[in-house]
């Protein structure tokens, strides 16, 4: 008998849970079925942004130290700032 998957209040709570728990304790993957989702659309949008070259160079250097792509690091920085700005 598998354990019941808990209810999560936030996506972050769910992410933390699955990072420290084995899904095979909760889900019988042998019963899983393969599906195709042909109508999925990308949830991101390409934009163009002008950044001074020295700033971009520093971003790339920092990203290299953290071993992440510089565009991903930039998205992380923007997400952190948006979270801080919209905190009530």
PDB file of N, CA and C in Angstrom:
ATOM      1  N   UNK A   1       0.846  -1.187   0.000  1.00  0.00           N
ATOM      2  CA  UNK A   1       0.000   0.000   0.000  1.00  0.00           C
ATOM      3  C   UNK A   1       0.887   1.244   0.000  1.00  0.00           C
ATOM      4  N   UNK A   2       0.644   2.133  -0.937  1.00  0.00           N
ATOM      5  CA  UNK A   2       1.412   3.369  -1.052  1.00  0.00           C
ATOM      6  C   UNK A   2       0.869   4.423  -0.093  1.00  0.00           C
ATOM      7  N   UNK A   3       1.750   5.332   0.316  1.00  0.00           N
ATOM      8  CA  UNK A   3       1.335   6.455   1.166  1.00  0.00           C
ATOM      9  C   UNK A   3       0.533   7.450   0.327  1.00  0.00           C
ATOM     10  N   UNK A   4      -0.369   8.160   0.972  1.00  0.00           N
ATOM     11  CA  UNK A   4      -1.154   9.182   0.272  1.00  0.00           C
ATOM     12  C   UNK A   4      -0.269  10.411   0.039  1.00  0.00           C
ATOM     13  N   UNK A   5      -0.385  10.977  -1.146  1.00  0.00           N
ATOM     14  CA  UNK A   5       0.359  12.195  -1.462  1.00  0.00           C
ATOM     15  C   UNK A   5      -0.276  13.346  -0.672  1.00  0.00           C
ATOM     16  N   UNK A   6       0.528  14.076   0.120  1.00  0.00           N
ATOM     17  CA  UNK A   6      -0.044  15.165   0.917  1.00  0.00           C
ATOM     18  C   UNK A   6      -0.534  16.322   0.048  1.00  0.00           C
ATOM     19  N   UNK A   7      -1.409  17.137   0.604  1.00  0.00           N
ATOM     20  CA  UNK A   7      -1.877  18.362  -0.062  1.00  0.00           C
ATOM     21  C   UNK A   7      -0.865  19.466   0.250  1.00  0.00           C
ATOM     22  N   UNK A   8      -0.550  20.277  -0.733  1.00  0.00           N
ATOM     23  CA  UNK A   8       0.448  21.326  -0.564  1.00  0.00           C
ATOM     24  C   UNK A   8      -0.213  22.687  -0.707  1.00  0.00           C
ATOM     25  N   UNK A   9       0.202  23.618   0.135  1.00  0.00           N
ATOM     26  CA  UNK A   9      -0.365  24.969   0.076  1.00  0.00           C
ATOM     27  C   UNK A   9       0.250  25.787  -1.048  1.00  0.00           C
ATOM     28  N   UNK A  10       1.538  25.520  -1.329  1.00  0.00           N
ATOM     29  CA  UNK A  10       2.223  26.286  -2.373  1.00  0.00           C
ATOM     30  C   UNK A  10       3.077  25.352  -3.212  1.00  0.00           C
ATOM     31  N   UNK A  11       3.453  25.846  -4.371  1.00  0.00           N
ATOM     32  CA  UNK A  11       4.347  25.091  -5.240  1.00  0.00           C
ATOM     33  C   UNK A  11       5.713  24.914  -4.580  1.00  0.00           C
ATOM     34  N   UNK A  12       6.159  25.940  -3.854  1.00  0.00           N
ATOM     35  CA  UNK A  12       7.442  25.860  -3.155  1.00  0.00           C
ATOM     36  C   UNK A  12       7.419  24.751  -2.102  1.00  0.00           C
ATOM     37  N   UNK A  13       6.312  24.632  -1.384  1.00  0.00           N
ATOM     38  CA  UNK A  13       6.190  23.584  -0.367  1.00  0.00           C
ATOM     39  C   UNK A  13       6.240  22.207  -1.026  1.00  0.00           C
ATOM     40  N   UNK A  14       5.580  22.078  -2.162  1.00  0.00           N
ATOM     41  CA  UNK A  14       5.596  20.802  -2.870  1.00  0.00           C
ATOM     42  C   UNK A  14       7.002  20.485  -3.381  1.00  0.00           C
ATOM     43  N   UNK A  15       7.674  21.497  -3.909  1.00  0.00           N
ATOM     44  CA  UNK A  15       9.034  21.310  -4.414  1.00  0.00           C
ATOM     45  C   UNK A  15       9.967  20.846  -3.301  1.00  0.00           C
ATOM     46  N   UNK A  16       9.862  21.469  -2.141  1.00  0.00           N
ATOM     47  CA  UNK A  16      10.694  21.077  -0.995  1.00  0.00           C
ATOM     48  C   UNK A  16      10.397  19.648  -0.558  1.00  0.00           C
ATOM     49  N   UNK A  17       9.119  19.287  -0.558  1.00  0.00           N
ATOM     50  CA  UNK A  17       8.727  17.937  -0.154  1.00  0.00           C
ATOM     51  C   UNK A  17       9.357  16.895  -1.079  1.00  0.00           C
ATOM     52  N   UNK A  18       9.178  17.078  -2.398  1.00  0.00           N
ATOM     53  CA  UNK A  18       9.680  16.076  -3.342  1.00  0.00           C
ATOM     54  C   UNK A  18      11.209  16.059  -3.414  1.00  0.00           C
ATOM     55  N   UNK A  19      11.848  17.142  -3.010  1.00  0.00           N
ATOM     56  CA  UNK A  19      13.315  17.166  -2.989  1.00  0.00           C
ATOM     57  C   UNK A  19      13.858  16.267  -1.888  1.00  0.00           C
ATOM     58  N   UNK A  20      13.036  15.983  -0.879  1.00  0.00           N
ATOM     59  CA  UNK A  20      13.515  15.174   0.252  1.00  0.00           C
ATOM     60  C   UNK A  20      12.751  13.861   0.426  1.00  0.00           C
ATOM     61  N   UNK A  21      11.863  13.523  -0.500  1.00  0.00           N
ATOM     62  CA  UNK A  21      11.094  12.286  -0.401  1.00  0.00           C
ATOM     63  C   UNK A  21      11.169  11.519  -1.722  1.00  0.00           C
ATOM     64  N   UNK A  22      11.088  10.216  -1.644  1.00  0.00           N
ATOM     65  CA  UNK A  22      11.136   9.352  -2.820  1.00  0.00           C
ATOM     66  C   UNK A  22       9.717   9.148  -3.345  1.00  0.00           C
ATOM     67  N   UNK A  23       9.483   9.493  -4.600  1.00  0.00           N
ATOM     68  CA  UNK A  23       8.135   9.388  -5.170  1.00  0.00           C
ATOM     69  C   UNK A  23       7.631   7.946  -5.219  1.00  0.00           C
ATOM     70  N   UNK A  24       8.534   6.968  -5.241  1.00  0.00           N
ATOM     71  CA  UNK A  24       8.089   5.571  -5.307  1.00  0.00           C
ATOM     72  C   UNK A  24       7.391   5.132  -4.025  1.00  0.00           C
ATOM     73  N   UNK A  25       7.543   5.889  -2.940  1.00  0.00           N
ATOM     74  CA  UNK A  25       6.803   5.598  -1.715  1.00  0.00           C
ATOM     75  C   UNK A  25       5.345   6.035  -1.837  1.00  0.00           C
ATOM     76  N   UNK A  26       5.049   6.888  -2.810  1.00  0.00           N
ATOM     77  CA  UNK A  26       3.727   7.485  -2.941  1.00  0.00           C
ATOM     78  C   UNK A  26       3.007   7.110  -4.235  1.00  0.00           C
ATOM     79  N   UNK A  27       3.772   6.798  -5.264  1.00  0.00           N
ATOM     80  CA  UNK A  27       3.192   6.558  -6.587  1.00  0.00           C
ATOM     81  C   UNK A  27       3.689   5.225  -7.130  1.00  0.00           C
ATOM     82  N   UNK A  28       2.763   4.436  -7.674  1.00  0.00           N
ATOM     83  CA  UNK A  28       3.143   3.178  -8.316  1.00  0.00           C
ATOM     84  C   UNK A  28       3.403   3.476  -9.791  1.00  0.00           C
ATOM     85  N   UNK A  29       4.671   3.695 -10.111  1.00  0.00           N
ATOM     86  CA  UNK A  29       5.038   4.102 -11.466  1.00  0.00           C
ATOM     87  C   UNK A  29       4.797   3.007 -12.497  1.00  0.00           C
ATOM     88  N   UNK A  30       4.597   1.763 -12.049  1.00  0.00           N
ATOM     89  CA  UNK A  30       4.303   0.684 -13.012  1.00  0.00           C
ATOM     90  C   UNK A  30       2.919   0.868 -13.637  1.00  0.00           C
ATOM     91  N   UNK A  31       2.053   1.604 -12.966  1.00  0.00           N
ATOM     92  CA  UNK A  31       0.700   1.846 -13.484  1.00  0.00           C
ATOM     93  C   UNK A  31       0.632   3.127 -14.321  1.00  0.00           C
ATOM     94  N   UNK A  32       1.726   3.830 -14.424  1.00  0.00           N
ATOM     95  CA  UNK A  32       1.749   5.082 -15.178  1.00  0.00           C
ATOM     96  C   UNK A  32       1.565   4.812 -16.667  1.00  0.00           C
ATOM     97  N   UNK A  33       0.919   5.749 -17.340  1.00  0.00           N
ATOM     98  CA  UNK A  33       0.715   5.640 -18.784  1.00  0.00           C
ATOM     99  C   UNK A  33       1.380   6.817 -19.469  1.00  0.00           C
ATOM    100  N   UNK A  34       1.979   6.550 -20.606  1.00  0.00           N
ATOM    101  CA  UNK A  34       2.628   7.586 -21.391  1.00  0.00           C
ATOM    102  C   UNK A  34       1.559   8.395 -22.130  1.00  0.00           C
ATOM    103  N   UNK A  35       1.687   9.717 -22.094  1.00  0.00           N
ATOM    104  CA  UNK A  35       0.737  10.579 -22.793  1.00  0.00           C
ATOM    105  C   UNK A  35       1.495  11.576 -23.650  1.00  0.00           C
ATOM    106  N   UNK A  36       0.805  12.108 -24.635  1.00  0.00           N
ATOM    107  CA  UNK A  36       1.365  13.150 -25.478  1.00  0.00           C
ATOM    108  C   UNK A  36       0.522  14.399 -25.300  1.00  0.00           C
ATOM    109  N   UNK A  37       1.172  15.532 -25.177  1.00  0.00           N
ATOM    110  CA  UNK A  37       0.474  16.804 -25.002  1.00  0.00           C
ATOM    111  C   UNK A  37       0.813  17.696 -26.188  1.00  0.00           C
ATOM    112  N   UNK A  38       0.140  17.497 -27.316  1.00  0.00           N
ATOM    113  CA  UNK A  38       0.522  18.188 -28.548  1.00  0.00           C
ATOM    114  C   UNK A  38       0.208  19.682 -28.564  1.00  0.00           C
ATOM    115  N   UNK A  39      -0.700  20.141 -27.733  1.00  0.00           N
ATOM    116  CA  UNK A  39      -1.116  21.542 -27.792  1.00  0.00           C
ATOM    117  C   UNK A  39      -0.456  22.418 -26.736  1.00  0.00           C
ATOM    118  N   UNK A  40       0.585  21.907 -26.082  1.00  0.00           N
ATOM    119  CA  UNK A  40       1.276  22.717 -25.083  1.00  0.00           C
ATOM    120  C   UNK A  40       2.011  23.862 -25.760  1.00  0.00           C
ATOM    121  N   UNK A  41       1.892  25.015 -25.170  1.00  0.00           N
ATOM    122  CA  UNK A  41       2.608  26.174 -25.694  1.00  0.00           C
ATOM    123  C   UNK A  41       3.676  26.571 -24.684  1.00  0.00           C
ATOM    124  N   UNK A  42       4.818  27.046 -25.144  1.00  0.00           N
ATOM    125  CA  UNK A  42       5.860  27.465 -24.205  1.00  0.00           C
ATOM    126  C   UNK A  42       5.323  28.536 -23.253  1.00  0.00           C
ATOM    127  N   UNK A  43       5.716  28.453 -22.005  1.00  0.00           N
ATOM    128  CA  UNK A  43       5.227  29.419 -21.026  1.00  0.00           C
ATOM    129  C   UNK A  43       6.165  30.623 -20.897  1.00  0.00           C
ATOM    130  N   UNK A  44       7.199  30.651 -21.692  1.00  0.00           N
ATOM    131  CA  UNK A  44       8.111  31.795 -21.635  1.00  0.00           C
ATOM    132  C   UNK A  44       8.051  32.555 -22.962  1.00  0.00           C
ATOM    133  N   UNK A  45       8.490  33.787 -22.900  1.00  0.00           N
ATOM    134  CA  UNK A  45       8.470  34.641 -24.077  1.00  0.00           C
ATOM    135  C   UNK A  45       9.852  35.239 -24.270  1.00  0.00           C
ATOM    136  N   UNK A  46      10.298  35.253 -25.482  1.00  0.00           N
ATOM    137  CA  UNK A  46      11.594  35.831 -25.806  1.00  0.00           C
ATOM    138  C   UNK A  46      11.486  37.349 -25.807  1.00  0.00           C
ATOM    139  N   UNK A  47      12.453  37.994 -25.159  1.00  0.00           N
ATOM    140  CA  UNK A  47      12.501  39.453 -25.155  1.00  0.00           C
ATOM    141  C   UNK A  47      13.913  39.887 -25.541  1.00  0.00           C
ATOM    142  N   UNK A  48      14.027  41.149 -25.860  1.00  0.00           N
ATOM    143  CA  UNK A  48      15.336  41.732 -26.151  1.00  0.00           C
ATOM    144  C   UNK A  48      15.584  42.805 -25.114  1.00  0.00           C
ATOM    145  N   UNK A  49      16.775  42.796 -24.533  1.00  0.00           N
ATOM    146  CA  UNK A  49      17.101  43.784 -23.507  1.00  0.00           C
ATOM    147  C   UNK A  49      18.516  44.296 -23.757  1.00  0.00           C
ATOM    148  N   UNK A  50      18.688  45.571 -23.659  1.00  0.00           N
ATOM    149  CA  UNK A  50      20.008  46.163 -23.859  1.00  0.00           C
ATOM    150  C   UNK A  50      20.658  46.366 -22.496  1.00  0.00           C
ATOM    151  N   UNK A  51      21.830  45.774 -22.342  1.00  0.00           N
ATOM    152  CA  UNK A  51      22.583  45.868 -21.091  1.00  0.00           C
ATOM    153  C   UNK A  51      23.987  46.355 -21.442  1.00  0.00           C
ATOM    154  N   UNK A  52      24.524  47.291 -20.667  1.00  0.00           N
ATOM    155  CA  UNK A  52      25.895  47.736 -20.945  1.00  0.00           C
ATOM    156  C   UNK A  52      26.860  46.547 -20.933  1.00  0.00           C
ATOM    157  N   UNK A  53      27.808  46.559 -21.856  1.00  0.00           N
ATOM    158  CA  UNK A  53      28.751  45.446 -21.995  1.00  0.00           C
ATOM    159  C   UNK A  53      29.458  45.110 -20.690  1.00  0.00           C
ATOM    160  N   UNK A  54      29.951  46.081 -19.918  1.00  0.00           N
ATOM    161  CA  UNK A  54      30.612  45.718 -18.653  1.00  0.00           C
ATOM    162  C   UNK A  54      29.673  44.980 -17.682  1.00  0.00           C
ATOM    163  N   UNK A  55      28.399  45.376 -17.667  1.00  0.00           N
ATOM    164  CA  UNK A  55      27.435  44.707 -16.798  1.00  0.00           C
ATOM    165  C   UNK A  55      27.213  43.269 -17.261  1.00  0.00           C
ATOM    166  N   UNK A  56      27.096  43.083 -18.568  1.00  0.00           N
ATOM    167  CA  UNK A  56      26.913  41.738 -19.122  1.00  0.00           C
ATOM    168  C   UNK A  56      28.136  40.865 -18.838  1.00  0.00           C
ATOM    169  N   UNK A  57      29.316  41.437 -18.963  1.00  0.00           N
ATOM    170  CA  UNK A  57      30.547  40.697 -18.676  1.00  0.00           C
ATOM    171  C   UNK A  57      30.578  40.238 -17.219  1.00  0.00           C
ATOM    172  N   UNK A  58      30.170  41.131 -16.311  1.00  0.00           N
ATOM    173  CA  UNK A  58      30.156  40.782 -14.885  1.00  0.00           C
ATOM    174  C   UNK A  58      29.104  39.709 -14.602  1.00  0.00           C
ATOM    175  N   UNK A  59      27.948  39.798 -15.276  1.00  0.00           N
ATOM    176  CA  UNK A  59      26.901  38.793 -15.128  1.00  0.00           C
ATOM    177  C   UNK A  59      27.403  37.423 -15.594  1.00  0.00           C
ATOM    178  N   UNK A  60      28.073  37.405 -16.740  1.00  0.00           N
ATOM    179  CA  UNK A  60      28.606  36.145 -17.263  1.00  0.00           C
ATOM    180  C   UNK A  60      29.669  35.568 -16.334  1.00  0.00           C
ATOM    181  N   UNK A  61      30.510  36.414 -15.773  1.00  0.00           N
ATOM    182  CA  UNK A  61      31.536  35.957 -14.838  1.00  0.00           C
ATOM    183  C   UNK A  61      30.901  35.335 -13.597  1.00  0.00           C
ATOM    184  N   UNK A  62      29.909  36.010 -13.044  1.00  0.00           N
ATOM    185  CA  UNK A  62      29.219  35.499 -11.869  1.00  0.00           C
ATOM    186  C   UNK A  62      28.485  34.189 -12.191  1.00  0.00           C
ATOM    187  N   UNK A  63      27.847  34.129 -13.338  1.00  0.00           N
ATOM    188  CA  UNK A  63      27.144  32.916 -13.751  1.00  0.00           C
ATOM    189  C   UNK A  63      28.122  31.759 -13.900  1.00  0.00           C
ATOM    190  N   UNK A  64      29.284  32.037 -14.448  1.00  0.00           N
ATOM    191  CA  UNK A  64      30.299  31.003 -14.612  1.00  0.00           C
ATOM    192  C   UNK A  64      30.756  30.474 -13.246  1.00  0.00           C
ATOM    193  N   UNK A  65      30.927  31.372 -12.284  1.00  0.00           N
ATOM    194  CA  UNK A  65      31.321  30.953 -10.931  1.00  0.00           C
ATOM    195  C   UNK A  65      30.254  30.067 -10.291  1.00  0.00           C
ATOM    196  N   UNK A  66      28.985  30.364 -10.595  1.00  0.00           N
ATOM    197  CA  UNK A  66      27.868  29.588 -10.022  1.00  0.00           C
ATOM    198  C   UNK A  66      27.507  28.380 -10.877  1.00  0.00           C
ATOM    199  N   UNK A  67      28.173  28.248 -12.010  1.00  0.00           N
ATOM    200  CA  UNK A  67      27.963  27.137 -12.936  1.00  0.00           C
ATOM    201  C   UNK A  67      26.515  27.081 -13.441  1.00  0.00           C
ATOM    202  N   UNK A  68      25.996  28.244 -13.830  1.00  0.00           N
ATOM    203  CA  UNK A  68      24.668  28.323 -14.440  1.00  0.00           C
ATOM    204  C   UNK A  68      24.762  29.206 -15.684  1.00  0.00           C
ATOM    205  N   UNK A  69      23.881  29.020 -16.645  1.00  0.00           N
ATOM    206  CA  UNK A  69      23.879  29.916 -17.806  1.00  0.00           C
ATOM    207  C   UNK A  69      23.556  31.348 -17.367  1.00  0.00           C
ATOM    208  N   UNK A  70      24.165  32.329 -18.013  1.00  0.00           N
ATOM    209  CA  UNK A  70      23.980  33.710 -17.568  1.00  0.00           C
ATOM    210  C   UNK A  70      22.539  34.168 -17.723  1.00  0.00           C
ATOM    211  N   UNK A  71      21.824  33.665 -18.730  1.00  0.00           N
ATOM    212  CA  UNK A  71      20.424  34.061 -18.889  1.00  0.00           C
ATOM    213  C   UNK A  71      19.573  33.511 -17.745  1.00  0.00           C
ATOM    214  N   UNK A  72      19.893  32.312 -17.284  1.00  0.00           N
ATOM    215  CA  UNK A  72      19.172  31.737 -16.142  1.00  0.00           C
ATOM    216  C   UNK A  72      19.445  32.535 -14.880  1.00  0.00           C
ATOM    217  N   UNK A  73      20.689  32.947 -14.698  1.00  0.00           N
ATOM    218  CA  UNK A  73      21.032  33.753 -13.528  1.00  0.00           C
ATOM    219  C   UNK A  73      20.288  35.086 -13.572  1.00  0.00           C
ATOM    220  N   UNK A  74      20.212  35.688 -14.735  1.00  0.00           N
ATOM    221  CA  UNK A  74      19.490  36.944 -14.882  1.00  0.00           C
ATOM    222  C   UNK A  74      18.011  36.756 -14.530  1.00  0.00           C
ATOM    223  N   UNK A  75      17.406  35.648 -14.978  1.00  0.00           N
ATOM    224  CA  UNK A  75      16.004  35.362 -14.640  1.00  0.00           C
ATOM    225  C   UNK A  75      15.842  35.184 -13.132  1.00  0.00           C
ATOM    226  N   UNK A  76      16.814  34.540 -12.491  1.00  0.00           N
ATOM    227  CA  UNK A  76      16.752  34.362 -11.039  1.00  0.00           C
ATOM    228  C   UNK A  76      16.794  35.715 -10.340  1.00  0.00           C
ATOM    229  N   UNK A  77      17.665  36.600 -10.787  1.00  0.00           N
ATOM    230  CA  UNK A  77      17.774  37.927 -10.187  1.00  0.00           C
ATOM    231  C   UNK A  77      16.463  38.712 -10.353  1.00  0.00           C
ATOM    232  N   UNK A  78      15.883  38.661 -11.536  1.00  0.00           N
ATOM    233  CA  UNK A  78      14.638  39.374 -11.789  1.00  0.00           C
ATOM    234  C   UNK A  78      13.522  38.790 -10.920  1.00  0.00           C
ATOM    235  N   UNK A  79      13.448  37.468 -10.827  1.00  0.00           N
ATOM    236  CA  UNK A  79      12.414  36.819 -10.016  1.00  0.00           C
ATOM    237  C   UNK A  79      12.544  37.210  -8.544  1.00  0.00           C
ATOM    238  N   UNK A  80      13.777  37.233  -8.021  1.00  0.00           N
ATOM    239  CA  UNK A  80      13.996  37.611  -6.623  1.00  0.00           C
ATOM    240  C   UNK A  80      13.543  39.052  -6.377  1.00  0.00           C
ATOM    241  N   UNK A  81      13.870  39.934  -7.311  1.00  0.00           N
ATOM    242  CA  UNK A  81      13.512  41.341  -7.138  1.00  0.00           C
ATOM    243  C   UNK A  81      12.002  41.545  -7.225  1.00  0.00           C
ATOM    244  N   UNK A  82      11.373  40.842  -8.159  1.00  0.00           N
ATOM    245  CA  UNK A  82       9.909  40.944  -8.275  1.00  0.00           C
ATOM    246  C   UNK A  82       9.228  40.451  -7.004  1.00  0.00           C
ATOM    247  N   UNK A  83       9.730  39.358  -6.464  1.00  0.00           N
ATOM    248  CA  UNK A  83       9.168  38.827  -5.219  1.00  0.00           C
ATOM    249  C   UNK A  83       9.300  39.851  -4.097  1.00  0.00           C
ATOM    250  N   UNK A  84      10.444  40.490  -4.002  1.00  0.00           N
ATOM    251  CA  UNK A  84      10.673  41.496  -2.953  1.00  0.00           C
ATOM    252  C   UNK A  84       9.785  42.723  -3.178  1.00  0.00           C
ATOM    253  N   UNK A  85       9.624  43.155  -4.406  1.00  0.00           N
ATOM    254  CA  UNK A  85       8.833  44.350  -4.711  1.00  0.00           C
ATOM    255  C   UNK A  85       7.341  44.128  -4.450  1.00  0.00           C
ATOM    256  N   UNK A  86       6.858  42.913  -4.701  1.00  0.00           N
ATOM    257  CA  UNK A  86       5.430  42.650  -4.565  1.00  0.00           C
ATOM    258  C   UNK A  86       5.049  42.105  -3.197  1.00  0.00           C
ATOM    259  N   UNK A  87       6.018  41.987  -2.302  1.00  0.00           N
ATOM    260  CA  UNK A  87       5.736  41.537  -0.938  1.00  0.00           C
ATOM    261  C   UNK A  87       4.982  42.651  -0.219  1.00  0.00           C
ATOM    262  N   UNK A  88       3.888  42.308   0.388  1.00  0.00           N
ATOM    263  CA  UNK A  88       3.067  43.337   1.051  1.00  0.00           C
ATOM    264  C   UNK A  88       3.343  43.380   2.521  1.00  0.00           C
TER     265      UNK A  88
END
